[in-house]
Amino acid sequence: MIRSLFFRLALAALVIFTAGCGTQKTGGDIQVSPPEQVNLTASNNGEKITLFAGQELVIQLDGNPTTGYTWEAKDLDATMFKQIGDATFSSSNPDLVGSGGSLTLSFRVLKTGTTNLTLVYHRPWETNVEPMDTFSITAMVK
């Protein structure tokens, strides 16, 4: 009886554990589903990032729009990425007018392939001026 109870508890624990793992079993192989969202920061600048079609790519970078500067995609490959809305600002000190914080840009990954994604931190109305900062990744989409 104790052995039967132990077996049932072990089986229940296994079922509970595997139910939350986000895996699918197909033809004897176990496939792990990729996360729906991939989050990047300035520390990912210059990296090669593996993504999957259908994912949302969220990039959060330091910025202060009260200075006129904002992050924007430069030469966005519209066959690979679709920007979701405009950049959103989150202040690091909401009680202090003009304080900096972070700007977040979101993109939907559309299809497989390899491309570069470059963001520039600039004042959009200034022409023939180098951006204050850049962020770039190489995206390898499966």
N, C-alpha and C. Protein backbone atom coordinates (compact mmCIF):
# COMPACT_ATOMS: atom_id res chain seq x y z
N MET A 1 0.82 -1.19 0.00
CA MET A 1 0.00 0.00 0.00
C MET A 1 0.87 1.26 0.00
N ILE A 2 1.92 1.28 0.81
CA ILE A 2 2.81 2.43 0.86
C ILE A 2 3.51 2.59 -0.49
N ARG A 3 3.91 1.48 -1.08
CA ARG A 3 4.57 1.53 -2.37
C ARG A 3 3.62 2.11 -3.42
N SER A 4 2.36 1.72 -3.40
CA SER A 4 1.35 2.22 -4.34
C SER A 4 1.14 3.72 -4.14
N LEU A 5 1.07 4.17 -2.89
CA LEU A 5 0.89 5.59 -2.60
C LEU A 5 2.10 6.39 -3.09
N PHE A 6 3.29 5.87 -2.84
CA PHE A 6 4.52 6.54 -3.29
C PHE A 6 4.53 6.65 -4.82
N PHE A 7 4.16 5.58 -5.51
CA PHE A 7 4.12 5.58 -6.97
C PHE A 7 3.14 6.63 -7.48
N ARG A 8 1.95 6.71 -6.87
CA ARG A 8 0.94 7.68 -7.30
C ARG A 8 1.42 9.12 -7.08
N LEU A 9 2.06 9.39 -5.95
CA LEU A 9 2.59 10.72 -5.67
C LEU A 9 3.69 11.10 -6.66
N ALA A 10 4.58 10.15 -6.93
CA ALA A 10 5.65 10.41 -7.88
C ALA A 10 5.08 10.68 -9.27
N LEU A 11 4.08 9.91 -9.69
CA LEU A 11 3.45 10.10 -10.98
C LEU A 11 2.75 11.46 -11.04
N ALA A 12 2.05 11.83 -9.98
CA ALA A 12 1.36 13.13 -9.95
C ALA A 12 2.38 14.28 -10.03
N ALA A 13 3.49 14.16 -9.33
CA ALA A 13 4.52 15.19 -9.37
C ALA A 13 5.10 15.32 -10.77
N LEU A 14 5.31 14.20 -11.44
CA LEU A 14 5.84 14.21 -12.80
C LEU A 14 4.86 14.89 -13.75
N VAL A 15 3.58 14.59 -13.63
CA VAL A 15 2.56 15.19 -14.49
C VAL A 15 2.51 16.70 -14.27
N ILE A 16 2.53 17.13 -13.01
CA ILE A 16 2.49 18.56 -12.71
C ILE A 16 3.73 19.25 -13.24
N PHE A 17 4.90 18.66 -13.06
CA PHE A 17 6.15 19.25 -13.53
C PHE A 17 6.18 19.40 -15.04
N THR A 18 5.81 18.37 -15.77
CA THR A 18 5.89 18.43 -17.24
C THR A 18 4.79 19.28 -17.83
N ALA A 19 3.68 19.48 -17.12
CA ALA A 19 2.58 20.29 -17.66
C ALA A 19 2.98 21.74 -17.80
N GLY A 20 3.85 22.25 -16.95
CA GLY A 20 4.23 23.64 -17.00
C GLY A 20 5.50 23.92 -17.78
N CYS A 21 6.05 22.96 -18.46
CA CYS A 21 7.34 23.15 -19.13
C CYS A 21 7.23 23.74 -20.53
N GLY A 22 6.05 23.86 -21.11
CA GLY A 22 5.91 24.41 -22.45
C GLY A 22 6.53 23.53 -23.51
N THR A 23 6.42 22.23 -23.35
CA THR A 23 6.99 21.33 -24.34
C THR A 23 5.88 20.63 -25.10
N GLN A 24 6.22 20.15 -26.27
CA GLN A 24 5.30 19.37 -27.07
C GLN A 24 6.02 18.11 -27.50
N LYS A 25 5.33 16.98 -27.45
CA LYS A 25 5.95 15.73 -27.87
C LYS A 25 5.36 15.37 -29.23
N THR A 26 6.26 15.23 -30.20
CA THR A 26 5.82 14.89 -31.55
C THR A 26 6.71 13.78 -32.08
N GLY A 27 6.14 12.66 -32.38
CA GLY A 27 6.86 11.57 -32.99
C GLY A 27 8.09 11.11 -32.21
N GLY A 28 8.02 11.13 -30.89
CA GLY A 28 9.12 10.68 -30.08
C GLY A 28 10.11 11.78 -29.72
N ASP A 29 10.02 12.94 -30.38
CA ASP A 29 10.92 14.06 -30.08
C ASP A 29 10.21 15.04 -29.17
N ILE A 30 10.97 15.66 -28.28
CA ILE A 30 10.41 16.70 -27.43
C ILE A 30 10.88 18.04 -27.97
N GLN A 31 9.93 18.94 -28.23
CA GLN A 31 10.24 20.26 -28.74
C GLN A 31 9.87 21.30 -27.70
N VAL A 32 10.77 22.20 -27.41
CA VAL A 32 10.50 23.27 -26.46
C VAL A 32 10.03 24.49 -27.24
N SER A 33 8.89 25.05 -26.83
CA SER A 33 8.36 26.23 -27.50
C SER A 33 9.19 27.45 -27.14
N PRO A 34 9.50 28.30 -28.12
CA PRO A 34 10.25 29.53 -27.81
C PRO A 34 9.36 30.49 -27.04
N PRO A 35 9.95 31.39 -26.26
CA PRO A 35 9.14 32.37 -25.55
C PRO A 35 8.43 33.29 -26.54
N GLU A 36 7.28 33.82 -26.15
CA GLU A 36 6.52 34.70 -27.03
C GLU A 36 7.19 36.05 -27.18
N GLN A 37 8.00 36.43 -26.18
CA GLN A 37 8.63 37.75 -26.18
C GLN A 37 10.10 37.62 -25.83
N VAL A 38 10.94 38.37 -26.54
CA VAL A 38 12.37 38.42 -26.27
C VAL A 38 12.70 39.86 -25.88
N ASN A 39 13.34 40.04 -24.72
CA ASN A 39 13.67 41.36 -24.20
C ASN A 39 15.16 41.61 -24.31
N LEU A 40 15.51 42.77 -24.90
CA LEU A 40 16.91 43.15 -25.04
C LEU A 40 17.14 44.51 -24.38
N THR A 41 18.40 44.75 -23.97
CA THR A 41 18.81 46.03 -23.40
C THR A 41 20.11 46.45 -24.08
N ALA A 42 20.67 47.56 -23.63
CA ALA A 42 21.93 48.06 -24.19
C ALA A 42 23.05 47.03 -24.10
N SER A 43 22.97 46.14 -23.13
CA SER A 43 24.02 45.13 -22.99
C SER A 43 24.05 44.14 -24.16
N ASN A 44 22.98 44.10 -24.96
CA ASN A 44 22.92 43.21 -26.12
C ASN A 44 23.42 43.87 -27.40
N ASN A 45 23.85 45.12 -27.33
CA ASN A 45 24.32 45.84 -28.50
C ASN A 45 25.46 45.07 -29.18
N GLY A 46 25.33 44.90 -30.50
CA GLY A 46 26.37 44.22 -31.29
C GLY A 46 26.26 42.71 -31.31
N GLU A 47 25.29 42.14 -30.62
CA GLU A 47 25.18 40.67 -30.53
C GLU A 47 24.41 40.08 -31.72
N LYS A 48 24.62 38.78 -31.90
CA LYS A 48 23.80 37.98 -32.82
C LYS A 48 22.72 37.34 -31.96
N ILE A 49 21.47 37.56 -32.33
CA ILE A 49 20.34 37.10 -31.54
C ILE A 49 19.52 36.12 -32.38
N THR A 50 19.23 34.95 -31.82
CA THR A 50 18.35 33.99 -32.50
C THR A 50 16.92 34.28 -32.10
N LEU A 51 16.07 34.45 -33.10
CA LEU A 51 14.65 34.72 -32.88
C LEU A 51 13.83 33.72 -33.68
N PHE A 52 12.53 33.72 -33.43
CA PHE A 52 11.62 32.85 -34.16
C PHE A 52 10.49 33.69 -34.74
N ALA A 53 10.07 33.35 -35.95
CA ALA A 53 8.96 34.06 -36.58
C ALA A 53 7.76 34.03 -35.66
N GLY A 54 7.11 35.18 -35.51
CA GLY A 54 5.94 35.30 -34.64
C GLY A 54 6.25 35.88 -33.28
N GLN A 55 7.52 35.89 -32.89
CA GLN A 55 7.88 36.45 -31.58
C GLN A 55 7.76 37.96 -31.59
N GLU A 56 7.67 38.52 -30.38
CA GLU A 56 7.74 39.96 -30.20
C GLU A 56 9.12 40.28 -29.63
N LEU A 57 9.81 41.20 -30.26
CA LEU A 57 11.12 41.65 -29.83
C LEU A 57 10.94 42.99 -29.14
N VAL A 58 11.35 43.08 -27.87
CA VAL A 58 11.20 44.31 -27.09
C VAL A 58 12.60 44.79 -26.72
N ILE A 59 12.90 46.03 -27.09
CA ILE A 59 14.22 46.61 -26.82
C ILE A 59 14.03 47.82 -25.92
N GLN A 60 14.69 47.80 -24.76
CA GLN A 60 14.59 48.90 -23.79
C GLN A 60 15.96 49.55 -23.64
N LEU A 61 16.02 50.87 -23.94
CA LEU A 61 17.27 51.61 -23.93
C LEU A 61 17.11 52.92 -23.16
N ASP A 62 18.19 53.38 -22.55
CA ASP A 62 18.16 54.65 -21.83
C ASP A 62 17.85 55.78 -22.78
N GLY A 63 17.10 56.76 -22.29
CA GLY A 63 16.78 57.90 -23.12
C GLY A 63 16.06 58.98 -22.32
N ASN A 64 15.96 60.16 -22.94
CA ASN A 64 15.26 61.28 -22.32
C ASN A 64 14.62 62.12 -23.41
N PRO A 65 13.35 61.86 -23.71
CA PRO A 65 12.70 62.59 -24.80
C PRO A 65 12.53 64.09 -24.53
N THR A 66 12.66 64.54 -23.26
CA THR A 66 12.53 65.97 -22.99
C THR A 66 13.67 66.76 -23.62
N THR A 67 14.75 66.09 -24.01
CA THR A 67 15.88 66.73 -24.68
C THR A 67 15.68 66.78 -26.19
N GLY A 68 14.61 66.15 -26.66
CA GLY A 68 14.35 66.08 -28.10
C GLY A 68 14.87 64.80 -28.73
N TYR A 69 15.66 64.05 -27.99
CA TYR A 69 16.22 62.81 -28.52
C TYR A 69 15.24 61.65 -28.34
N THR A 70 15.25 60.76 -29.31
CA THR A 70 14.43 59.55 -29.22
C THR A 70 15.14 58.42 -29.98
N TRP A 71 14.76 57.21 -29.65
CA TRP A 71 15.27 56.03 -30.37
C TRP A 71 14.32 55.72 -31.52
N GLU A 72 14.88 55.49 -32.70
CA GLU A 72 14.10 55.10 -33.88
C GLU A 72 14.84 54.04 -34.67
N ALA A 73 14.06 53.18 -35.34
CA ALA A 73 14.66 52.19 -36.23
C ALA A 73 15.21 52.90 -37.46
N LYS A 74 16.40 52.49 -37.88
CA LYS A 74 17.02 53.05 -39.08
C LYS A 74 17.01 51.97 -40.16
N ASP A 75 16.43 52.30 -41.31
CA ASP A 75 16.38 51.37 -42.45
C ASP A 75 15.82 50.01 -42.03
N LEU A 76 14.68 50.03 -41.37
CA LEU A 76 14.04 48.80 -40.88
C LEU A 76 13.68 47.88 -42.05
N ASP A 77 14.08 46.63 -41.96
CA ASP A 77 13.74 45.62 -42.97
C ASP A 77 12.28 45.21 -42.72
N ALA A 78 11.37 45.84 -43.46
CA ALA A 78 9.94 45.64 -43.24
C ALA A 78 9.47 44.24 -43.62
N THR A 79 10.30 43.48 -44.32
CA THR A 79 9.93 42.10 -44.62
C THR A 79 10.20 41.18 -43.43
N MET A 80 11.07 41.64 -42.52
CA MET A 80 11.45 40.82 -41.36
C MET A 80 10.83 41.30 -40.05
N PHE A 81 10.63 42.62 -39.91
CA PHE A 81 10.12 43.20 -38.67
C PHE A 81 9.01 44.19 -38.94
N LYS A 82 8.05 44.21 -38.03
CA LYS A 82 7.00 45.22 -38.06
C LYS A 82 7.02 45.90 -36.70
N GLN A 83 7.23 47.22 -36.69
CA GLN A 83 7.23 47.92 -35.41
C GLN A 83 5.82 47.98 -34.86
N ILE A 84 5.69 47.71 -33.56
CA ILE A 84 4.40 47.72 -32.89
C ILE A 84 4.29 49.04 -32.13
N GLY A 85 3.53 49.97 -32.66
CA GLY A 85 3.34 51.26 -32.00
C GLY A 85 4.61 52.10 -32.01
N ASP A 86 4.56 53.20 -31.27
CA ASP A 86 5.70 54.10 -31.14
C ASP A 86 6.52 53.72 -29.91
N ALA A 87 7.69 54.31 -29.80
CA ALA A 87 8.52 54.12 -28.61
C ALA A 87 7.76 54.67 -27.40
N THR A 88 7.82 53.94 -26.29
CA THR A 88 7.17 54.40 -25.06
C THR A 88 8.24 54.76 -24.04
N PHE A 89 7.97 55.82 -23.28
CA PHE A 89 8.93 56.33 -22.30
C PHE A 89 8.49 55.97 -20.90
N SER A 90 9.45 55.56 -20.09
CA SER A 90 9.22 55.28 -18.67
C SER A 90 10.28 56.06 -17.89
N SER A 91 9.83 57.00 -17.06
CA SER A 91 10.74 57.86 -16.32
C SER A 91 11.37 57.12 -15.15
N SER A 92 12.65 57.37 -14.92
CA SER A 92 13.32 56.78 -13.77
C SER A 92 12.96 57.53 -12.49
N ASN A 93 12.44 58.77 -12.63
CA ASN A 93 12.02 59.56 -11.49
C ASN A 93 10.81 60.40 -11.90
N PRO A 94 9.59 59.83 -11.85
CA PRO A 94 8.41 60.52 -12.35
C PRO A 94 8.10 61.85 -11.64
N ASP A 95 8.63 62.03 -10.43
CA ASP A 95 8.36 63.26 -9.69
C ASP A 95 9.26 64.42 -10.11
N LEU A 96 10.27 64.14 -10.91
CA LEU A 96 11.22 65.15 -11.34
C LEU A 96 11.01 65.45 -12.82
N VAL A 97 10.49 66.65 -13.11
CA VAL A 97 10.22 67.03 -14.50
C VAL A 97 11.54 67.05 -15.28
N GLY A 98 11.52 66.43 -16.46
CA GLY A 98 12.70 66.41 -17.32
C GLY A 98 13.68 65.30 -17.02
N SER A 99 13.33 64.41 -16.09
CA SER A 99 14.26 63.33 -15.75
C SER A 99 14.32 62.30 -16.87
N GLY A 100 15.46 61.63 -16.94
CA GLY A 100 15.63 60.58 -17.94
C GLY A 100 14.93 59.31 -17.52
N GLY A 101 15.13 58.29 -18.30
CA GLY A 101 14.52 56.99 -18.03
C GLY A 101 14.87 56.04 -19.15
N SER A 102 13.86 55.34 -19.65
CA SER A 102 14.11 54.40 -20.74
C SER A 102 13.01 54.50 -21.78
N LEU A 103 13.41 54.24 -23.00
CA LEU A 103 12.48 54.16 -24.12
C LEU A 103 12.41 52.70 -24.55
N THR A 104 11.20 52.23 -24.81
CA THR A 104 10.98 50.84 -25.20
C THR A 104 10.36 50.81 -26.58
N LEU A 105 10.98 50.01 -27.46
CA LEU A 105 10.47 49.81 -28.80
C LEU A 105 10.14 48.32 -28.96
N SER A 106 9.02 48.04 -29.61
CA SER A 106 8.59 46.66 -29.81
C SER A 106 8.42 46.37 -31.29
N PHE A 107 8.82 45.15 -31.67
CA PHE A 107 8.74 44.72 -33.06
C PHE A 107 8.18 43.30 -33.11
N ARG A 108 7.39 43.01 -34.14
CA ARG A 108 6.92 41.66 -34.41
C ARG A 108 7.89 41.06 -35.43
N VAL A 109 8.36 39.84 -35.14
CA VAL A 109 9.26 39.14 -36.05
C VAL A 109 8.38 38.43 -37.08
N LEU A 110 8.58 38.74 -38.37
CA LEU A 110 7.64 38.28 -39.40
C LEU A 110 8.01 36.98 -40.09
N LYS A 111 9.28 36.78 -40.40
CA LYS A 111 9.63 35.59 -41.18
C LYS A 111 11.07 35.19 -40.92
N THR A 112 11.43 34.02 -41.42
CA THR A 112 12.77 33.50 -41.24
C THR A 112 13.77 34.24 -42.13
N GLY A 113 15.02 34.20 -41.71
CA GLY A 113 16.09 34.84 -42.46
C GLY A 113 17.07 35.50 -41.51
N THR A 114 18.01 36.24 -42.07
CA THR A 114 19.00 36.96 -41.28
C THR A 114 19.04 38.40 -41.74
N THR A 115 19.03 39.31 -40.78
CA THR A 115 19.07 40.74 -41.09
C THR A 115 19.64 41.50 -39.90
N ASN A 116 20.02 42.74 -40.16
CA ASN A 116 20.47 43.63 -39.09
C ASN A 116 19.32 44.52 -38.68
N LEU A 117 19.25 44.81 -37.39
CA LEU A 117 18.28 45.76 -36.86
C LEU A 117 19.09 46.83 -36.15
N THR A 118 18.97 48.06 -36.63
CA THR A 118 19.72 49.18 -36.07
C THR A 118 18.76 50.25 -35.58
N LEU A 119 19.00 50.72 -34.37
CA LEU A 119 18.25 51.82 -33.79
C LEU A 119 19.21 52.99 -33.59
N VAL A 120 18.72 54.20 -33.83
CA VAL A 120 19.53 55.39 -33.63
C VAL A 120 18.86 56.29 -32.59
N TYR A 121 19.69 56.91 -31.75
CA TYR A 121 19.23 57.86 -30.75
C TYR A 121 19.59 59.24 -31.28
N HIS A 122 18.57 59.97 -31.72
CA HIS A 122 18.81 61.25 -32.40
C HIS A 122 17.61 62.17 -32.24
N ARG A 123 17.79 63.39 -32.70
CA ARG A 123 16.68 64.33 -32.81
C ARG A 123 16.18 64.22 -34.25
N PRO A 124 14.96 63.74 -34.43
CA PRO A 124 14.47 63.42 -35.78
C PRO A 124 14.50 64.58 -36.76
N TRP A 125 14.39 65.80 -36.29
CA TRP A 125 14.36 66.94 -37.19
C TRP A 125 15.74 67.40 -37.64
N GLU A 126 16.79 66.94 -36.97
CA GLU A 126 18.14 67.33 -37.35
C GLU A 126 18.62 66.46 -38.52
N THR A 127 19.01 67.09 -39.59
CA THR A 127 19.51 66.36 -40.76
C THR A 127 21.03 66.53 -40.85
N ASN A 128 21.66 65.56 -41.46
CA ASN A 128 23.11 65.56 -41.63
C ASN A 128 23.86 65.67 -40.31
N VAL A 129 23.28 65.10 -39.26
CA VAL A 129 23.91 65.07 -37.94
C VAL A 129 24.01 63.61 -37.52
N GLU A 130 25.19 63.22 -37.08
CA GLU A 130 25.37 61.84 -36.59
C GLU A 130 24.49 61.61 -35.36
N PRO A 131 23.93 60.41 -35.23
CA PRO A 131 23.13 60.12 -34.03
C PRO A 131 24.01 60.16 -32.78
N MET A 132 23.39 60.49 -31.66
CA MET A 132 24.12 60.53 -30.40
C MET A 132 24.56 59.13 -29.97
N ASP A 133 23.76 58.11 -30.33
CA ASP A 133 24.07 56.73 -29.96
C ASP A 133 23.41 55.80 -30.97
N THR A 134 23.91 54.58 -31.06
CA THR A 134 23.29 53.56 -31.91
C THR A 134 23.22 52.24 -31.15
N PHE A 135 22.27 51.43 -31.55
CA PHE A 135 22.10 50.08 -31.01
C PHE A 135 21.86 49.19 -32.22
N SER A 136 22.58 48.09 -32.31
CA SER A 136 22.45 47.22 -33.48
C SER A 136 22.59 45.77 -33.08
N ILE A 137 21.78 44.91 -33.69
CA ILE A 137 21.90 43.47 -33.52
C ILE A 137 21.84 42.81 -34.90
N THR A 138 22.35 41.61 -34.98
CA THR A 138 22.13 40.76 -36.13
C THR A 138 21.08 39.74 -35.71
N ALA A 139 19.95 39.74 -36.38
CA ALA A 139 18.86 38.83 -36.05
C ALA A 139 18.88 37.63 -36.98
N MET A 140 18.96 36.45 -36.40
CA MET A 140 18.89 35.20 -37.16
C MET A 140 17.54 34.57 -36.79
N VAL A 141 16.59 34.65 -37.72
CA VAL A 141 15.21 34.23 -37.46
C VAL A 141 14.99 32.84 -38.02
N LYS A 142 14.52 31.95 -37.16
CA LYS A 142 14.21 30.57 -37.56
C LYS A 142 12.72 30.40 -37.75
